[in-house]
Amino acid sequence: QVQLVESGGGLVQAGGSLRLSCAASGRTFSNYRMGWFRQAPGKERELVAAITSGGSTNYADSVKGRFTIARDNAKNTVALQMNGLKPADTAIYYCAARLSGTGPYGYDYWGQGTQVTVSS
């Protein structure tokens, strides 16, 4: 079992920055692929960024060059640094962990989400 708790969301002006953090507990964190998803009202949930157990990363085209995902296995955390925020980034952001890949969107465990709102 894995428990994920997100923090760091809030209200920010366009062009500003936020850093989201996800704290994991339970099974061995270093074995999991970690991802950040987001879902805006009326839109599909989408993968924003992912990082493998080996440190490889990938990003949605809409956030490349603006967002950075990183993990600290010693602290059992994964972070999403969000720079140059746009109103289109407004969404609930979810931390997710993948081990077997049999859960929703290929991820097995999910946090409750944290709201990010970007104003003009």
C-alpha atoms as a PDB file:
ATOM      1  CA  GLN A   1       0.000   0.000   0.000  1.00  0.00           C
ATOM      2  CA  VAL A   2       1.100   3.545  -0.782  1.00  0.00           C
ATOM      3  CA  GLN A   3      -0.235   6.800   0.611  1.00  0.00           C
ATOM      4  CA  LEU A   4       0.368  10.026  -1.314  1.00  0.00           C
ATOM      5  CA  VAL A   5      -0.223  13.546  -0.007  1.00  0.00           C
ATOM      6  CA  GLU A   6       0.145  16.635  -2.197  1.00  0.00           C
ATOM      7  CA  SER A   7       0.918  20.142  -1.018  1.00  0.00           C
ATOM      8  CA  GLY A   8       1.931  23.503  -2.450  1.00  0.00           C
ATOM      9  CA  GLY A   9      -1.098  24.450  -4.507  1.00  0.00           C
ATOM     10  CA  GLY A  10      -2.651  27.878  -4.391  1.00  0.00           C
ATOM     11  CA  LEU A  11      -3.484  31.036  -6.283  1.00  0.00           C
ATOM     12  CA  VAL A  12      -0.824  32.670  -8.420  1.00  0.00           C
ATOM     13  CA  GLN A  13      -0.750  35.361 -11.091  1.00  0.00           C
ATOM     14  CA  ALA A  14       0.063  34.537 -14.689  1.00  0.00           C
ATOM     15  CA  GLY A  15       3.805  34.320 -15.164  1.00  0.00           C
ATOM     16  CA  GLY A  16       4.373  33.289 -11.577  1.00  0.00           C
ATOM     17  CA  SER A  17       5.692  30.075 -10.082  1.00  0.00           C
ATOM     18  CA  LEU A  18       4.588  27.352  -7.707  1.00  0.00           C
ATOM     19  CA  ARG A  19       6.289  24.259  -6.394  1.00  0.00           C
ATOM     20  CA  LEU A  20       4.125  21.242  -5.695  1.00  0.00           C
ATOM     21  CA  SER A  21       5.328  18.470  -3.449  1.00  0.00           C
ATOM     22  CA  CYS A  22       4.113  14.919  -2.962  1.00  0.00           C
ATOM     23  CA  ALA A  23       5.026  12.924   0.122  1.00  0.00           C
ATOM     24  CA  ALA A  24       4.823   9.154  -0.150  1.00  0.00           C
ATOM     25  CA  SER A  25       4.647   6.485   2.504  1.00  0.00           C
ATOM     26  CA  GLY A  26       4.217   2.741   2.490  1.00  0.00           C
ATOM     27  CA  ARG A  27       6.015   0.528   0.007  1.00  0.00           C
ATOM     28  CA  THR A  28       9.510   1.220  -1.239  1.00  0.00           C
ATOM     29  CA  PHE A  29       9.336   4.615  -2.931  1.00  0.00           C
ATOM     30  CA  SER A  30      12.427   4.227  -5.064  1.00  0.00           C
ATOM     31  CA  ASN A  31      10.861   1.362  -7.036  1.00  0.00           C
ATOM     32  CA  TYR A  32       7.947   3.447  -8.314  1.00  0.00           C
ATOM     33  CA  ARG A  33       7.518   5.543 -11.390  1.00  0.00           C
ATOM     34  CA  MET A  34       5.992   8.811 -10.200  1.00  0.00           C
ATOM     35  CA  GLY A  35       3.742  11.136 -12.116  1.00  0.00           C
ATOM     36  CA  TRP A  36       1.867  14.397 -11.857  1.00  0.00           C
ATOM     37  CA  PHE A  37      -1.556  14.591 -13.473  1.00  0.00           C
ATOM     38  CA  ARG A  38      -3.975  17.467 -13.692  1.00  0.00           C
ATOM     39  CA  GLN A  39      -7.671  17.806 -14.379  1.00  0.00           C
ATOM     40  CA  ALA A  40      -9.551  20.997 -15.125  1.00  0.00           C
ATOM     41  CA  PRO A  41     -13.356  21.216 -14.915  1.00  0.00           C
ATOM     42  CA  GLY A  42     -14.944  19.610 -17.948  1.00  0.00           C
ATOM     43  CA  LYS A  43     -11.639  18.316 -19.284  1.00  0.00           C
ATOM     44  CA  GLU A  44      -9.891  14.963 -19.341  1.00  0.00           C
ATOM     45  CA  ARG A  45      -7.286  14.090 -16.788  1.00  0.00           C
ATOM     46  CA  GLU A  46      -3.874  14.430 -18.382  1.00  0.00           C
ATOM     47  CA  LEU A  47      -0.357  13.408 -17.526  1.00  0.00           C
ATOM     48  CA  VAL A  48       1.747  16.507 -16.932  1.00  0.00           C
ATOM     49  CA  ALA A  49       5.100  14.982 -16.039  1.00  0.00           C
ATOM     50  CA  ALA A  50       6.576  11.647 -15.030  1.00  0.00           C
ATOM     51  CA  ILE A  51       9.845  10.404 -13.614  1.00  0.00           C
ATOM     52  CA  THR A  52      11.019   6.803 -13.570  1.00  0.00           C
ATOM     53  CA  SER A  53      12.808   4.969 -10.801  1.00  0.00           C
ATOM     54  CA  GLY A  54      15.990   5.585 -12.768  1.00  0.00           C
ATOM     55  CA  GLY A  55      15.416   9.325 -13.044  1.00  0.00           C
ATOM     56  CA  SER A  56      14.262   9.589 -16.656  1.00  0.00           C
ATOM     57  CA  THR A  57      11.620  12.266 -17.209  1.00  0.00           C
ATOM     58  CA  ASN A  58       8.963  13.144 -19.724  1.00  0.00           C
ATOM     59  CA  TYR A  59       6.528  16.032 -20.032  1.00  0.00           C
ATOM     60  CA  ALA A  60       3.351  16.988 -21.761  1.00  0.00           C
ATOM     61  CA  ASP A  61       4.004  19.249 -24.730  1.00  0.00           C
ATOM     62  CA  SER A  62       2.004  22.024 -23.095  1.00  0.00           C
ATOM     63  CA  VAL A  63       4.409  22.289 -20.144  1.00  0.00           C
ATOM     64  CA  LYS A  64       7.788  21.512 -21.692  1.00  0.00           C
ATOM     65  CA  GLY A  65      10.308  24.163 -20.824  1.00  0.00           C
ATOM     66  CA  ARG A  66       8.174  25.488 -17.974  1.00  0.00           C
ATOM     67  CA  PHE A  67       7.705  22.570 -15.556  1.00  0.00           C
ATOM     68  CA  THR A  68      10.316  20.333 -13.972  1.00  0.00           C
ATOM     69  CA  ILE A  69       9.724  17.080 -12.099  1.00  0.00           C
ATOM     70  CA  ALA A  70      12.237  15.781  -9.576  1.00  0.00           C
ATOM     71  CA  ARG A  71      12.358  13.114  -6.907  1.00  0.00           C
ATOM     72  CA  ASP A  72      14.209  12.746  -3.639  1.00  0.00           C
ATOM     73  CA  ASN A  73      14.190   9.083  -2.729  1.00  0.00           C
ATOM     74  CA  ALA A  74      15.828   9.720   0.644  1.00  0.00           C
ATOM     75  CA  LYS A  75      12.871  11.911   1.620  1.00  0.00           C
ATOM     76  CA  ASN A  76      10.232   9.888  -0.251  1.00  0.00           C
ATOM     77  CA  THR A  77       9.071  12.970  -2.118  1.00  0.00           C
ATOM     78  CA  VAL A  78       8.478  14.052  -5.677  1.00  0.00           C
ATOM     79  CA  ALA A  79       8.195  17.702  -6.666  1.00  0.00           C
ATOM     80  CA  LEU A  80       6.815  19.624  -9.602  1.00  0.00           C
ATOM     81  CA  GLN A  81       8.382  23.029 -10.139  1.00  0.00           C
ATOM     82  CA  MET A  82       5.977  25.124 -12.183  1.00  0.00           C
ATOM     83  CA  ASN A  83       7.331  28.282 -13.802  1.00  0.00           C
ATOM     84  CA  GLY A  84       5.784  30.704 -16.248  1.00  0.00           C
ATOM     85  CA  LEU A  85       2.289  29.689 -15.201  1.00  0.00           C
ATOM     86  CA  LYS A  86      -0.624  30.393 -17.504  1.00  0.00           C
ATOM     87  CA  PRO A  87      -4.374  30.503 -16.838  1.00  0.00           C
ATOM     88  CA  ALA A  88      -4.641  27.283 -18.874  1.00  0.00           C
ATOM     89  CA  ASP A  89      -2.614  25.561 -16.154  1.00  0.00           C
ATOM     90  CA  THR A  90      -5.495  26.001 -13.712  1.00  0.00           C
ATOM     91  CA  ALA A  91      -6.534  22.545 -12.527  1.00  0.00           C
ATOM     92  CA  ILE A  92      -6.450  20.102  -9.683  1.00  0.00           C
ATOM     93  CA  TYR A  93      -3.040  18.470  -9.678  1.00  0.00           C
ATOM     94  CA  TYR A  94      -2.673  14.858  -8.592  1.00  0.00           C
ATOM     95  CA  CYS A  95       0.377  12.915  -7.563  1.00  0.00           C
ATOM     96  CA  ALA A  96       0.391   9.290  -8.673  1.00  0.00           C
ATOM     97  CA  ALA A  97       2.630   6.268  -8.264  1.00  0.00           C
ATOM     98  CA  ARG A  98       3.074   3.430 -10.731  1.00  0.00           C
ATOM     99  CA  LEU A  99       4.404  -0.015  -9.931  1.00  0.00           C
ATOM    100  CA  SER A 100       2.336  -2.687 -11.638  1.00  0.00           C
ATOM    101  CA  GLY A 101       0.677  -0.234 -14.018  1.00  0.00           C
ATOM    102  CA  THR A 102      -2.765  -1.815 -13.676  1.00  0.00           C
ATOM    103  CA  GLY A 103      -4.578   1.155 -12.144  1.00  0.00           C
ATOM    104  CA  PRO A 104      -6.284   4.157 -13.760  1.00  0.00           C
ATOM    105  CA  TYR A 105      -4.181   5.776 -16.485  1.00  0.00           C
ATOM    106  CA  GLY A 106      -1.558   3.150 -15.762  1.00  0.00           C
ATOM    107  CA  TYR A 107      -0.896   4.337 -12.207  1.00  0.00           C
ATOM    108  CA  ASP A 108      -1.702   2.338  -9.100  1.00  0.00           C
ATOM    109  CA  TYR A 109      -1.916   4.901  -6.293  1.00  0.00           C
ATOM    110  CA  TRP A 110      -3.243   8.449  -6.185  1.00  0.00           C
ATOM    111  CA  GLY A 111      -3.232  11.423  -3.885  1.00  0.00           C
ATOM    112  CA  GLN A 112      -6.292  13.549  -3.176  1.00  0.00           C
ATOM    113  CA  GLY A 113      -5.108  16.443  -5.307  1.00  0.00           C
ATOM    114  CA  THR A 114      -4.183  20.067  -4.752  1.00  0.00           C
ATOM    115  CA  GLN A 115      -5.787  23.057  -6.468  1.00  0.00           C
ATOM    116  CA  VAL A 116      -3.695  25.333  -8.658  1.00  0.00           C
ATOM    117  CA  THR A 117      -5.374  28.513  -9.866  1.00  0.00           C
ATOM    118  CA  VAL A 118      -3.625  30.933 -12.219  1.00  0.00           C
ATOM    119  CA  SER A 119      -5.212  34.341 -12.621  1.00  0.00           C
ATOM    120  CA  SER A 120      -4.798  36.904 -15.401  1.00  0.00           C
END
